[in-house]
């Protein structure tokens, strides 16, 4: 980890050139034991210009191969600056502001941010819950009262998904969060997510929504009745996960203003990872994300709306989940 890495000035001093960035990535990714992305069992030959050759396949590669930096024309110095501000700013950064900060076009900045969000979706960042878990759902899409009259949709209050997208959230007693964008908040959808993330027998806290009615068959289910203005029932409450919803919505409203349904999960992942690493130091968080950058997202994949949902290509988990 980089010591005393607390400001963007420290970042510039630590990574003044492309070579320092490459050296840091090699330390984090390989730690002196270079592994071919084409054949992990192959012998490696070191070549000039920070390149390596895989003996078994005959292919050349470098530390950026098969990562979010693969085939980029943008200097790593700018990528590192983008990663720093994106991961350390509580509400993220807009593509317009990043474009000004690192002197690139807004389109390039937008692509950089989405590649970083792609890294935020690394499997190692997923939380595994154990004892006590709060579960809640929210809806993303903005208030109808704030929309232009041509874009307003009638009858969309409450749990209507005509103009909004539901998100299911879980938070454990240690403050770690998991959130997933869904098409509905029906019983099967919610139960499938809880079954995937929470072991049987754990204590699950929810509100009075009907889709939670059968959780008692597998979990120690406790609930509060928000409809009756009950927000705490003995130890049962969902205040923790609702606190995350406030961070998410304030961040998107103030920083991004609007996000498409197709990319919403990427933005949710962004806020989840920052929230889950809020107790880490700036350098620790920076290195933590940099250690999980394997997987390439092309621009064509990103703008392919039909399939833009969350691809993770050729990723092998390397680090334990946040604990």
C-alpha atoms as a PDB file:
ATOM      1  CA  UNK A   1       0.000   0.000   0.000  1.00  0.00           C
ATOM      2  CA  UNK A   2       1.126   3.578  -0.648  1.00  0.00           C
ATOM      3  CA  UNK A   3       1.924   5.292   2.626  1.00  0.00           C
ATOM      4  CA  UNK A   4       0.564   8.766   3.430  1.00  0.00           C
ATOM      5  CA  UNK A   5      -1.463   8.867   0.217  1.00  0.00           C
ATOM      6  CA  UNK A   6      -4.025  11.490   1.207  1.00  0.00           C
ATOM      7  CA  UNK A   7      -4.329  14.037  -1.574  1.00  0.00           C
ATOM      8  CA  UNK A   8      -4.125  14.471  -5.308  1.00  0.00           C
ATOM      9  CA  UNK A   9      -0.785  16.212  -4.766  1.00  0.00           C
ATOM     10  CA  UNK A  10       0.501  13.004  -3.147  1.00  0.00           C
ATOM     11  CA  UNK A  11      -0.817  11.106  -6.161  1.00  0.00           C
ATOM     12  CA  UNK A  12       1.096  13.311  -8.605  1.00  0.00           C
ATOM     13  CA  UNK A  13       4.291  12.990  -6.561  1.00  0.00           C
ATOM     14  CA  UNK A  14       3.915   9.212  -6.333  1.00  0.00           C
ATOM     15  CA  UNK A  15       3.050   8.695 -10.000  1.00  0.00           C
ATOM     16  CA  UNK A  16       4.803  11.470 -11.968  1.00  0.00           C
ATOM     17  CA  UNK A  17       5.217   9.361 -15.125  1.00  0.00           C
ATOM     18  CA  UNK A  18       3.860   6.349 -16.997  1.00  0.00           C
ATOM     19  CA  UNK A  19       6.651   4.111 -15.725  1.00  0.00           C
ATOM     20  CA  UNK A  20       5.779   4.643 -12.059  1.00  0.00           C
ATOM     21  CA  UNK A  21       2.166   3.746 -12.846  1.00  0.00           C
ATOM     22  CA  UNK A  22       3.193   0.579 -14.690  1.00  0.00           C
ATOM     23  CA  UNK A  23       5.555  -0.420 -11.886  1.00  0.00           C
ATOM     24  CA  UNK A  24       2.801   0.033  -9.312  1.00  0.00           C
ATOM     25  CA  UNK A  25       0.361  -2.038 -11.347  1.00  0.00           C
ATOM     26  CA  UNK A  26       2.916  -4.821 -11.759  1.00  0.00           C
ATOM     27  CA  UNK A  27       3.513  -4.869  -8.010  1.00  0.00           C
ATOM     28  CA  UNK A  28      -0.191  -5.139  -7.260  1.00  0.00           C
ATOM     29  CA  UNK A  29      -1.168  -7.525 -10.052  1.00  0.00           C
ATOM     30  CA  UNK A  30       1.811  -9.892 -10.070  1.00  0.00           C
ATOM     31  CA  UNK A  31       3.997  -9.108  -7.043  1.00  0.00           C
ATOM     32  CA  UNK A  32       7.131 -10.307  -8.837  1.00  0.00           C
ATOM     33  CA  UNK A  33       5.511 -13.417 -10.351  1.00  0.00           C
ATOM     34  CA  UNK A  34       4.342 -12.480 -13.856  1.00  0.00           C
ATOM     35  CA  UNK A  35       1.459 -14.636 -15.098  1.00  0.00           C
ATOM     36  CA  UNK A  36       0.360 -14.858 -18.720  1.00  0.00           C
ATOM     37  CA  UNK A  37      -3.265 -13.822 -19.300  1.00  0.00           C
ATOM     38  CA  UNK A  38      -3.329 -16.353 -22.169  1.00  0.00           C
ATOM     39  CA  UNK A  39      -1.924 -19.388 -20.321  1.00  0.00           C
ATOM     40  CA  UNK A  40      -1.332 -19.139 -16.551  1.00  0.00           C
ATOM     41  CA  UNK A  41       0.927 -22.219 -16.650  1.00  0.00           C
ATOM     42  CA  UNK A  42       3.218 -20.870 -19.356  1.00  0.00           C
ATOM     43  CA  UNK A  43       6.822 -19.745 -18.948  1.00  0.00           C
ATOM     44  CA  UNK A  44       7.245 -15.993 -19.367  1.00  0.00           C
ATOM     45  CA  UNK A  45       9.966 -14.077 -21.206  1.00  0.00           C
ATOM     46  CA  UNK A  46      10.616 -10.458 -20.288  1.00  0.00           C
ATOM     47  CA  UNK A  47      10.938  -8.137 -23.296  1.00  0.00           C
ATOM     48  CA  UNK A  48      11.752  -4.483 -23.803  1.00  0.00           C
ATOM     49  CA  UNK A  49       9.248  -1.724 -23.204  1.00  0.00           C
ATOM     50  CA  UNK A  50       7.462  -3.329 -20.229  1.00  0.00           C
ATOM     51  CA  UNK A  51       6.291  -6.197 -22.449  1.00  0.00           C
ATOM     52  CA  UNK A  52       6.316  -9.936 -21.815  1.00  0.00           C
ATOM     53  CA  UNK A  53       5.966 -13.009 -24.049  1.00  0.00           C
ATOM     54  CA  UNK A  54       3.939 -16.107 -23.254  1.00  0.00           C
ATOM     55  CA  UNK A  55       6.007 -19.121 -24.367  1.00  0.00           C
ATOM     56  CA  UNK A  56       3.083 -21.529 -24.840  1.00  0.00           C
ATOM     57  CA  UNK A  57       0.967 -19.189 -26.982  1.00  0.00           C
ATOM     58  CA  UNK A  58       3.669 -16.990 -28.470  1.00  0.00           C
ATOM     59  CA  UNK A  59       1.621 -13.912 -27.615  1.00  0.00           C
ATOM     60  CA  UNK A  60       2.975 -10.677 -26.188  1.00  0.00           C
ATOM     61  CA  UNK A  61       1.307  -8.853 -23.310  1.00  0.00           C
ATOM     62  CA  UNK A  62       1.856  -6.213 -20.645  1.00  0.00           C
ATOM     63  CA  UNK A  63       0.363  -5.424 -17.249  1.00  0.00           C
ATOM     64  CA  UNK A  64      -2.599  -3.653 -18.887  1.00  0.00           C
ATOM     65  CA  UNK A  65      -3.633  -6.671 -20.974  1.00  0.00           C
ATOM     66  CA  UNK A  66      -7.088  -7.997 -20.078  1.00  0.00           C
ATOM     67  CA  UNK A  67      -7.751  -5.160 -17.645  1.00  0.00           C
ATOM     68  CA  UNK A  68      -9.908  -2.050 -17.797  1.00  0.00           C
ATOM     69  CA  UNK A  69      -6.789  -0.268 -19.156  1.00  0.00           C
ATOM     70  CA  UNK A  70      -6.378  -2.705 -22.051  1.00  0.00           C
ATOM     71  CA  UNK A  71      -5.681  -1.037 -25.421  1.00  0.00           C
ATOM     72  CA  UNK A  72      -6.147   2.440 -23.977  1.00  0.00           C
ATOM     73  CA  UNK A  73      -4.487   5.427 -25.620  1.00  0.00           C
ATOM     74  CA  UNK A  74      -4.955   7.500 -22.487  1.00  0.00           C
ATOM     75  CA  UNK A  75      -1.852   7.723 -20.252  1.00  0.00           C
ATOM     76  CA  UNK A  76      -2.061   5.783 -17.000  1.00  0.00           C
ATOM     77  CA  UNK A  77      -1.237   9.005 -15.161  1.00  0.00           C
ATOM     78  CA  UNK A  78      -4.666  10.309 -16.211  1.00  0.00           C
ATOM     79  CA  UNK A  79      -6.314   6.970 -15.432  1.00  0.00           C
ATOM     80  CA  UNK A  80      -4.841   7.051 -11.919  1.00  0.00           C
ATOM     81  CA  UNK A  81      -6.106  10.599 -11.388  1.00  0.00           C
ATOM     82  CA  UNK A  82      -9.553   9.518 -12.548  1.00  0.00           C
ATOM     83  CA  UNK A  83      -9.511   6.503 -10.235  1.00  0.00           C
ATOM     84  CA  UNK A  84      -8.435   8.666  -7.314  1.00  0.00           C
ATOM     85  CA  UNK A  85     -11.180  11.290  -7.626  1.00  0.00           C
ATOM     86  CA  UNK A  86     -13.823   8.736  -8.597  1.00  0.00           C
ATOM     87  CA  UNK A  87     -13.140   6.466  -5.625  1.00  0.00           C
ATOM     88  CA  UNK A  88     -12.480   9.130  -2.998  1.00  0.00           C
ATOM     89  CA  UNK A  89     -15.210  11.680  -3.755  1.00  0.00           C
ATOM     90  CA  UNK A  90     -18.230  10.675  -1.716  1.00  0.00           C
ATOM     91  CA  UNK A  91     -20.692  11.394  -4.519  1.00  0.00           C
ATOM     92  CA  UNK A  92     -18.459  10.497  -7.444  1.00  0.00           C
ATOM     93  CA  UNK A  93     -17.663  12.851 -10.286  1.00  0.00           C
ATOM     94  CA  UNK A  94     -19.488  13.752 -13.483  1.00  0.00           C
ATOM     95  CA  UNK A  95     -17.961  13.085 -16.896  1.00  0.00           C
ATOM     96  CA  UNK A  96     -18.046  16.835 -17.660  1.00  0.00           C
ATOM     97  CA  UNK A  97     -16.031  17.663 -14.545  1.00  0.00           C
ATOM     98  CA  UNK A  98     -13.579  14.786 -15.061  1.00  0.00           C
ATOM     99  CA  UNK A  99     -13.033  15.868 -18.653  1.00  0.00           C
ATOM    100  CA  UNK A 100     -11.907  19.276 -17.372  1.00  0.00           C
ATOM    101  CA  UNK A 101      -9.789  17.837 -14.557  1.00  0.00           C
ATOM    102  CA  UNK A 102      -7.702  15.460 -16.701  1.00  0.00           C
ATOM    103  CA  UNK A 103      -7.962  17.312 -20.044  1.00  0.00           C
ATOM    104  CA  UNK A 104      -9.881  14.825 -22.176  1.00  0.00           C
ATOM    105  CA  UNK A 105     -13.140  15.046 -24.106  1.00  0.00           C
ATOM    106  CA  UNK A 106     -16.434  14.520 -22.275  1.00  0.00           C
ATOM    107  CA  UNK A 107     -17.042  11.363 -24.318  1.00  0.00           C
ATOM    108  CA  UNK A 108     -13.666   9.970 -23.262  1.00  0.00           C
ATOM    109  CA  UNK A 109     -14.305  10.880 -19.631  1.00  0.00           C
ATOM    110  CA  UNK A 110     -17.696   9.140 -19.795  1.00  0.00           C
ATOM    111  CA  UNK A 111     -16.037   5.972 -21.095  1.00  0.00           C
ATOM    112  CA  UNK A 112     -13.321   6.160 -18.420  1.00  0.00           C
ATOM    113  CA  UNK A 113     -15.912   6.398 -15.668  1.00  0.00           C
ATOM    114  CA  UNK A 114     -17.865   3.448 -17.029  1.00  0.00           C
ATOM    115  CA  UNK A 115     -14.713   1.334 -17.204  1.00  0.00           C
ATOM    116  CA  UNK A 116     -14.070   2.202 -13.572  1.00  0.00           C
ATOM    117  CA  UNK A 117     -17.652   1.254 -12.694  1.00  0.00           C
ATOM    118  CA  UNK A 118     -17.047  -2.006 -14.540  1.00  0.00           C
ATOM    119  CA  UNK A 119     -14.115  -2.659 -12.205  1.00  0.00           C
ATOM    120  CA  UNK A 120     -16.367  -1.841  -9.253  1.00  0.00           C
ATOM    121  CA  UNK A 121     -18.504  -4.829 -10.289  1.00  0.00           C
ATOM    122  CA  UNK A 122     -15.653  -7.273  -9.646  1.00  0.00           C
ATOM    123  CA  UNK A 123     -16.869 -10.445  -7.842  1.00  0.00           C
ATOM    124  CA  UNK A 124     -14.392  -9.890  -5.018  1.00  0.00           C
ATOM    125  CA  UNK A 125     -16.306  -6.772  -3.996  1.00  0.00           C
ATOM    126  CA  UNK A 126     -19.509  -8.708  -3.282  1.00  0.00           C
ATOM    127  CA  UNK A 127     -20.448  -9.080   0.358  1.00  0.00           C
ATOM    128  CA  UNK A 128     -21.392 -12.360   1.996  1.00  0.00           C
ATOM    129  CA  UNK A 129     -23.781 -11.815   4.875  1.00  0.00           C
ATOM    130  CA  UNK A 130     -24.037 -13.922   8.037  1.00  0.00           C
ATOM    131  CA  UNK A 131     -25.952 -13.156  11.244  1.00  0.00           C
ATOM    132  CA  UNK A 132     -28.259 -10.137  10.973  1.00  0.00           C
ATOM    133  CA  UNK A 133     -29.365  -8.526   7.723  1.00  0.00           C
ATOM    134  CA  UNK A 134     -31.722  -5.647   6.938  1.00  0.00           C
ATOM    135  CA  UNK A 135     -33.597  -5.900   3.632  1.00  0.00           C
ATOM    136  CA  UNK A 136     -35.453  -3.079   1.900  1.00  0.00           C
ATOM    137  CA  UNK A 137     -36.420  -1.901  -1.554  1.00  0.00           C
ATOM    138  CA  UNK A 138     -36.396   1.518  -3.178  1.00  0.00           C
ATOM    139  CA  UNK A 139     -37.331   3.016  -6.538  1.00  0.00           C
ATOM    140  CA  UNK A 140     -35.055   5.067  -8.783  1.00  0.00           C
ATOM    141  CA  UNK A 141     -36.461   7.456 -11.342  1.00  0.00           C
ATOM    142  CA  UNK A 142     -37.174  10.824  -9.797  1.00  0.00           C
ATOM    143  CA  UNK A 143     -40.342  12.506  -8.629  1.00  0.00           C
ATOM    144  CA  UNK A 144     -43.064  13.042 -11.174  1.00  0.00           C
ATOM    145  CA  UNK A 145     -43.673  16.538  -9.782  1.00  0.00           C
ATOM    146  CA  UNK A 146     -40.159  17.545 -10.842  1.00  0.00           C
ATOM    147  CA  UNK A 147     -40.474  16.297 -14.430  1.00  0.00           C
ATOM    148  CA  UNK A 148     -41.453  18.219 -17.541  1.00  0.00           C
ATOM    149  CA  UNK A 149     -45.155  17.857 -18.244  1.00  0.00           C
ATOM    150  CA  UNK A 150     -44.407  15.925 -21.447  1.00  0.00           C
ATOM    151  CA  UNK A 151     -42.447  13.316 -19.478  1.00  0.00           C
ATOM    152  CA  UNK A 152     -44.798  12.873 -16.573  1.00  0.00           C
ATOM    153  CA  UNK A 153     -46.469   9.487 -16.195  1.00  0.00           C
ATOM    154  CA  UNK A 154     -49.718   9.148 -14.308  1.00  0.00           C
ATOM    155  CA  UNK A 155     -50.309   6.663 -11.532  1.00  0.00           C
ATOM    156  CA  UNK A 156     -46.636   6.079 -10.770  1.00  0.00           C
ATOM    157  CA  UNK A 157     -46.594   6.698  -7.039  1.00  0.00           C
ATOM    158  CA  UNK A 158     -45.819   3.944  -4.559  1.00  0.00           C
ATOM    159  CA  UNK A 159     -44.503   0.692  -6.050  1.00  0.00           C
ATOM    160  CA  UNK A 160     -45.424   1.381  -9.670  1.00  0.00           C
ATOM    161  CA  UNK A 161     -42.539   0.634 -12.070  1.00  0.00           C
ATOM    162  CA  UNK A 162     -43.863   2.453 -15.142  1.00  0.00           C
ATOM    163  CA  UNK A 163     -41.242   5.185 -14.938  1.00  0.00           C
ATOM    164  CA  UNK A 164     -39.080   3.889 -12.095  1.00  0.00           C
ATOM    165  CA  UNK A 165     -36.714   1.009 -11.534  1.00  0.00           C
ATOM    166  CA  UNK A 166     -36.759  -0.949  -8.254  1.00  0.00           C
ATOM    167  CA  UNK A 167     -33.577  -1.762  -6.346  1.00  0.00           C
ATOM    168  CA  UNK A 168     -33.304  -4.380  -3.596  1.00  0.00           C
ATOM    169  CA  UNK A 169     -30.804  -3.612  -0.830  1.00  0.00           C
ATOM    170  CA  UNK A 170     -29.279  -5.623   2.026  1.00  0.00           C
ATOM    171  CA  UNK A 171     -27.159  -4.296   4.884  1.00  0.00           C
ATOM    172  CA  UNK A 172     -25.537  -6.280   7.704  1.00  0.00           C
ATOM    173  CA  UNK A 173     -24.790  -5.280  11.285  1.00  0.00           C
ATOM    174  CA  UNK A 174     -21.241  -4.240  10.300  1.00  0.00           C
ATOM    175  CA  UNK A 175     -22.587  -1.706   7.815  1.00  0.00           C
ATOM    176  CA  UNK A 176     -21.801  -3.560   4.579  1.00  0.00           C
ATOM    177  CA  UNK A 177     -24.277  -3.185   1.738  1.00  0.00           C
ATOM    178  CA  UNK A 178     -25.349  -5.156  -1.321  1.00  0.00           C
ATOM    179  CA  UNK A 179     -27.805  -3.721  -3.852  1.00  0.00           C
ATOM    180  CA  UNK A 180     -29.310  -5.173  -7.012  1.00  0.00           C
ATOM    181  CA  UNK A 181     -31.471  -3.557  -9.673  1.00  0.00           C
ATOM    182  CA  UNK A 182     -34.540  -5.700 -10.429  1.00  0.00           C
ATOM    183  CA  UNK A 183     -37.583  -5.628 -12.660  1.00  0.00           C
ATOM    184  CA  UNK A 184     -40.092  -6.176  -9.875  1.00  0.00           C
ATOM    185  CA  UNK A 185     -40.340  -6.597  -6.110  1.00  0.00           C
ATOM    186  CA  UNK A 186     -42.388  -9.773  -6.168  1.00  0.00           C
ATOM    187  CA  UNK A 187     -41.887 -12.579  -3.668  1.00  0.00           C
ATOM    188  CA  UNK A 188     -39.781 -14.800  -5.943  1.00  0.00           C
ATOM    189  CA  UNK A 189     -37.476 -11.971  -6.994  1.00  0.00           C
ATOM    190  CA  UNK A 190     -36.832 -10.893  -3.406  1.00  0.00           C
ATOM    191  CA  UNK A 191     -36.507 -14.407  -2.015  1.00  0.00           C
ATOM    192  CA  UNK A 192     -34.013 -15.399  -4.741  1.00  0.00           C
ATOM    193  CA  UNK A 193     -31.750 -12.460  -3.846  1.00  0.00           C
ATOM    194  CA  UNK A 194     -31.957 -13.127  -0.108  1.00  0.00           C
ATOM    195  CA  UNK A 195     -31.323 -16.856  -0.618  1.00  0.00           C
ATOM    196  CA  UNK A 196     -28.245 -16.015  -2.713  1.00  0.00           C
ATOM    197  CA  UNK A 197     -26.772 -13.601  -0.198  1.00  0.00           C
ATOM    198  CA  UNK A 198     -27.954 -14.701   3.268  1.00  0.00           C
ATOM    199  CA  UNK A 199     -27.473 -18.152   4.887  1.00  0.00           C
ATOM    200  CA  UNK A 200     -30.508 -20.012   6.206  1.00  0.00           C
ATOM    201  CA  UNK A 201     -31.244 -19.359   9.877  1.00  0.00           C
ATOM    202  CA  UNK A 202     -29.943 -15.793   9.879  1.00  0.00           C
ATOM    203  CA  UNK A 203     -32.035 -12.973  11.305  1.00  0.00           C
ATOM    204  CA  UNK A 204     -33.651 -10.877   8.589  1.00  0.00           C
ATOM    205  CA  UNK A 205     -35.270  -7.498   9.288  1.00  0.00           C
ATOM    206  CA  UNK A 206     -37.806  -6.095   6.804  1.00  0.00           C
ATOM    207  CA  UNK A 207     -40.830  -3.831   6.610  1.00  0.00           C
ATOM    208  CA  UNK A 208     -44.405  -5.045   6.119  1.00  0.00           C
ATOM    209  CA  UNK A 209     -44.268  -5.557   2.317  1.00  0.00           C
ATOM    210  CA  UNK A 210     -46.192  -8.722   1.324  1.00  0.00           C
ATOM    211  CA  UNK A 211     -43.291 -10.232  -0.615  1.00  0.00           C
ATOM    212  CA  UNK A 212     -41.516 -10.869   2.702  1.00  0.00           C
ATOM    213  CA  UNK A 213     -44.377 -12.939   4.126  1.00  0.00           C
ATOM    214  CA  UNK A 214     -42.721 -16.349   3.729  1.00  0.00           C
ATOM    215  CA  UNK A 215     -39.231 -15.486   4.924  1.00  0.00           C
ATOM    216  CA  UNK A 216     -40.028 -16.999   8.324  1.00  0.00           C
ATOM    217  CA  UNK A 217     -39.886 -20.436   6.687  1.00  0.00           C
ATOM    218  CA  UNK A 218     -36.123 -20.150   6.244  1.00  0.00           C
ATOM    219  CA  UNK A 219     -35.006 -17.232   8.418  1.00  0.00           C
ATOM    220  CA  UNK A 220     -35.598 -15.659  11.805  1.00  0.00           C
ATOM    221  CA  UNK A 221     -37.793 -12.974  10.294  1.00  0.00           C
ATOM    222  CA  UNK A 222     -38.598  -9.770  12.179  1.00  0.00           C
ATOM    223  CA  UNK A 223     -40.418  -6.816  10.686  1.00  0.00           C
ATOM    224  CA  UNK A 224     -41.548  -3.253  11.289  1.00  0.00           C
ATOM    225  CA  UNK A 225     -44.788  -1.710  10.039  1.00  0.00           C
ATOM    226  CA  UNK A 226     -43.883   1.523   8.272  1.00  0.00           C
ATOM    227  CA  UNK A 227     -47.472   1.969   7.152  1.00  0.00           C
ATOM    228  CA  UNK A 228     -48.463   2.321  10.807  1.00  0.00           C
ATOM    229  CA  UNK A 229     -45.577   4.770  11.433  1.00  0.00           C
ATOM    230  CA  UNK A 230     -43.593   2.061  13.218  1.00  0.00           C
ATOM    231  CA  UNK A 231     -39.905   2.397  12.429  1.00  0.00           C
ATOM    232  CA  UNK A 232     -38.351   0.319  15.226  1.00  0.00           C
ATOM    233  CA  UNK A 233     -39.853  -2.859  16.680  1.00  0.00           C
ATOM    234  CA  UNK A 234     -37.624  -3.961  19.562  1.00  0.00           C
ATOM    235  CA  UNK A 235     -34.394  -4.768  17.649  1.00  0.00           C
ATOM    236  CA  UNK A 236     -36.074  -4.833  14.233  1.00  0.00           C
ATOM    237  CA  UNK A 237     -35.578  -1.892  11.861  1.00  0.00           C
ATOM    238  CA  UNK A 238     -34.388  -1.121   8.339  1.00  0.00           C
ATOM    239  CA  UNK A 239     -32.846   2.258   9.144  1.00  0.00           C
ATOM    240  CA  UNK A 240     -29.356   1.159   8.104  1.00  0.00           C
ATOM    241  CA  UNK A 241     -30.192   0.182   4.536  1.00  0.00           C
ATOM    242  CA  UNK A 242     -32.451   3.245   4.239  1.00  0.00           C
ATOM    243  CA  UNK A 243     -29.416   5.335   5.164  1.00  0.00           C
ATOM    244  CA  UNK A 244     -27.643   3.873   2.132  1.00  0.00           C
ATOM    245  CA  UNK A 245     -30.627   4.727  -0.073  1.00  0.00           C
ATOM    246  CA  UNK A 246     -30.281   8.358   0.990  1.00  0.00           C
ATOM    247  CA  UNK A 247     -26.571   8.338   0.020  1.00  0.00           C
ATOM    248  CA  UNK A 248     -27.367   6.755  -3.338  1.00  0.00           C
ATOM    249  CA  UNK A 249     -30.217   9.087  -4.250  1.00  0.00           C
ATOM    250  CA  UNK A 250     -28.513  12.266  -3.073  1.00  0.00           C
ATOM    251  CA  UNK A 251     -25.392  11.310  -5.005  1.00  0.00           C
ATOM    252  CA  UNK A 252     -27.189  10.583  -8.260  1.00  0.00           C
ATOM    253  CA  UNK A 253     -29.455  13.627  -7.943  1.00  0.00           C
ATOM    254  CA  UNK A 254     -26.659  16.064  -7.152  1.00  0.00           C
ATOM    255  CA  UNK A 255     -23.835  14.650  -9.283  1.00  0.00           C
ATOM    256  CA  UNK A 256     -25.345  12.808 -12.232  1.00  0.00           C
ATOM    257  CA  UNK A 257     -28.887  14.269 -12.221  1.00  0.00           C
ATOM    258  CA  UNK A 258     -30.166  11.397 -14.336  1.00  0.00           C
ATOM    259  CA  UNK A 259     -29.042   7.858 -15.271  1.00  0.00           C
ATOM    260  CA  UNK A 260     -30.554   5.427 -17.757  1.00  0.00           C
ATOM    261  CA  UNK A 261     -32.218   2.227 -16.598  1.00  0.00           C
ATOM    262  CA  UNK A 262     -29.744   0.277 -18.688  1.00  0.00           C
ATOM    263  CA  UNK A 263     -26.724   1.587 -16.785  1.00  0.00           C
ATOM    264  CA  UNK A 264     -28.371   1.983 -13.373  1.00  0.00           C
ATOM    265  CA  UNK A 265     -26.729  -1.137 -11.888  1.00  0.00           C
ATOM    266  CA  UNK A 266     -23.285   0.252 -12.704  1.00  0.00           C
ATOM    267  CA  UNK A 267     -24.064   3.441 -10.796  1.00  0.00           C
ATOM    268  CA  UNK A 268     -25.482   1.440  -7.899  1.00  0.00           C
ATOM    269  CA  UNK A 269     -22.263  -0.636  -7.802  1.00  0.00           C
ATOM    270  CA  UNK A 270     -20.267   2.580  -7.689  1.00  0.00           C
ATOM    271  CA  UNK A 271     -22.050   3.838  -4.590  1.00  0.00           C
ATOM    272  CA  UNK A 272     -22.044   0.390  -2.950  1.00  0.00           C
ATOM    273  CA  UNK A 273     -18.263   0.043  -3.188  1.00  0.00           C
ATOM    274  CA  UNK A 274     -17.584   3.559  -1.950  1.00  0.00           C
ATOM    275  CA  UNK A 275     -19.993   2.979   0.931  1.00  0.00           C
ATOM    276  CA  UNK A 276     -18.430  -0.370   1.823  1.00  0.00           C
ATOM    277  CA  UNK A 277     -14.904   1.073   1.773  1.00  0.00           C
ATOM    278  CA  UNK A 278     -15.765   4.277   3.653  1.00  0.00           C
ATOM    279  CA  UNK A 279     -13.616   3.205   6.619  1.00  0.00           C
ATOM    280  CA  UNK A 280     -10.568   2.534   4.459  1.00  0.00           C
ATOM    281  CA  UNK A 281      -7.899   5.158   3.920  1.00  0.00           C
ATOM    282  CA  UNK A 282      -7.603   6.838   0.521  1.00  0.00           C
ATOM    283  CA  UNK A 283      -4.508   4.856  -0.488  1.00  0.00           C
ATOM    284  CA  UNK A 284      -5.929   1.596   0.815  1.00  0.00           C
ATOM    285  CA  UNK A 285      -9.115   2.046  -1.207  1.00  0.00           C
ATOM    286  CA  UNK A 286      -7.114   3.066  -4.286  1.00  0.00           C
ATOM    287  CA  UNK A 287      -4.931  -0.053  -4.104  1.00  0.00           C
ATOM    288  CA  UNK A 288      -7.899  -2.246  -3.293  1.00  0.00           C
ATOM    289  CA  UNK A 289      -9.691  -1.245  -6.490  1.00  0.00           C
ATOM    290  CA  UNK A 290      -6.480  -1.360  -8.528  1.00  0.00           C
ATOM    291  CA  UNK A 291      -5.988  -4.976  -7.442  1.00  0.00           C
ATOM    292  CA  UNK A 292      -9.306  -5.983  -9.034  1.00  0.00           C
ATOM    293  CA  UNK A 293      -9.201  -4.467 -12.503  1.00  0.00           C
ATOM    294  CA  UNK A 294      -9.066  -7.670 -14.555  1.00  0.00           C
ATOM    295  CA  UNK A 295     -11.667  -7.790 -17.315  1.00  0.00           C
ATOM    296  CA  UNK A 296     -12.074  -5.623 -20.378  1.00  0.00           C
ATOM    297  CA  UNK A 297     -15.069  -3.463 -21.289  1.00  0.00           C
ATOM    298  CA  UNK A 298     -15.051  -2.175 -24.875  1.00  0.00           C
ATOM    299  CA  UNK A 299     -16.920   0.900 -26.029  1.00  0.00           C
ATOM    300  CA  UNK A 300     -19.060  -1.241 -28.336  1.00  0.00           C
ATOM    301  CA  UNK A 301     -20.063  -3.416 -25.380  1.00  0.00           C
ATOM    302  CA  UNK A 302     -20.863  -0.377 -23.291  1.00  0.00           C
ATOM    303  CA  UNK A 303     -23.200   1.219 -25.815  1.00  0.00           C
ATOM    304  CA  UNK A 304     -24.814  -2.126 -26.682  1.00  0.00           C
ATOM    305  CA  UNK A 305     -27.822  -1.321 -24.516  1.00  0.00           C
ATOM    306  CA  UNK A 306     -29.512  -4.681 -24.963  1.00  0.00           C
ATOM    307  CA  UNK A 307     -26.561  -6.546 -23.478  1.00  0.00           C
ATOM    308  CA  UNK A 308     -24.956  -3.779 -21.426  1.00  0.00           C
ATOM    309  CA  UNK A 309     -26.054  -5.345 -18.131  1.00  0.00           C
ATOM    310  CA  UNK A 310     -23.071  -6.563 -16.251  1.00  0.00           C
ATOM    311  CA  UNK A 311     -20.557  -8.562 -18.113  1.00  0.00           C
ATOM    312  CA  UNK A 312     -17.459  -9.717 -16.279  1.00  0.00           C
ATOM    313  CA  UNK A 313     -15.089 -11.316 -18.743  1.00  0.00           C
ATOM    314  CA  UNK A 314     -12.355 -13.758 -17.783  1.00  0.00           C
ATOM    315  CA  UNK A 315     -12.303 -12.675 -14.159  1.00  0.00           C
ATOM    316  CA  UNK A 316     -10.755 -14.812 -11.467  1.00  0.00           C
ATOM    317  CA  UNK A 317     -11.317 -13.663  -7.883  1.00  0.00           C
ATOM    318  CA  UNK A 318      -8.017 -12.778  -6.237  1.00  0.00           C
ATOM    319  CA  UNK A 319      -8.878 -10.965  -3.010  1.00  0.00           C
ATOM    320  CA  UNK A 320     -11.322 -11.700  -0.189  1.00  0.00           C
ATOM    321  CA  UNK A 321     -14.541  -9.716  -0.059  1.00  0.00           C
ATOM    322  CA  UNK A 322     -14.683  -6.666   2.139  1.00  0.00           C
ATOM    323  CA  UNK A 323     -15.000  -7.826   5.706  1.00  0.00           C
END
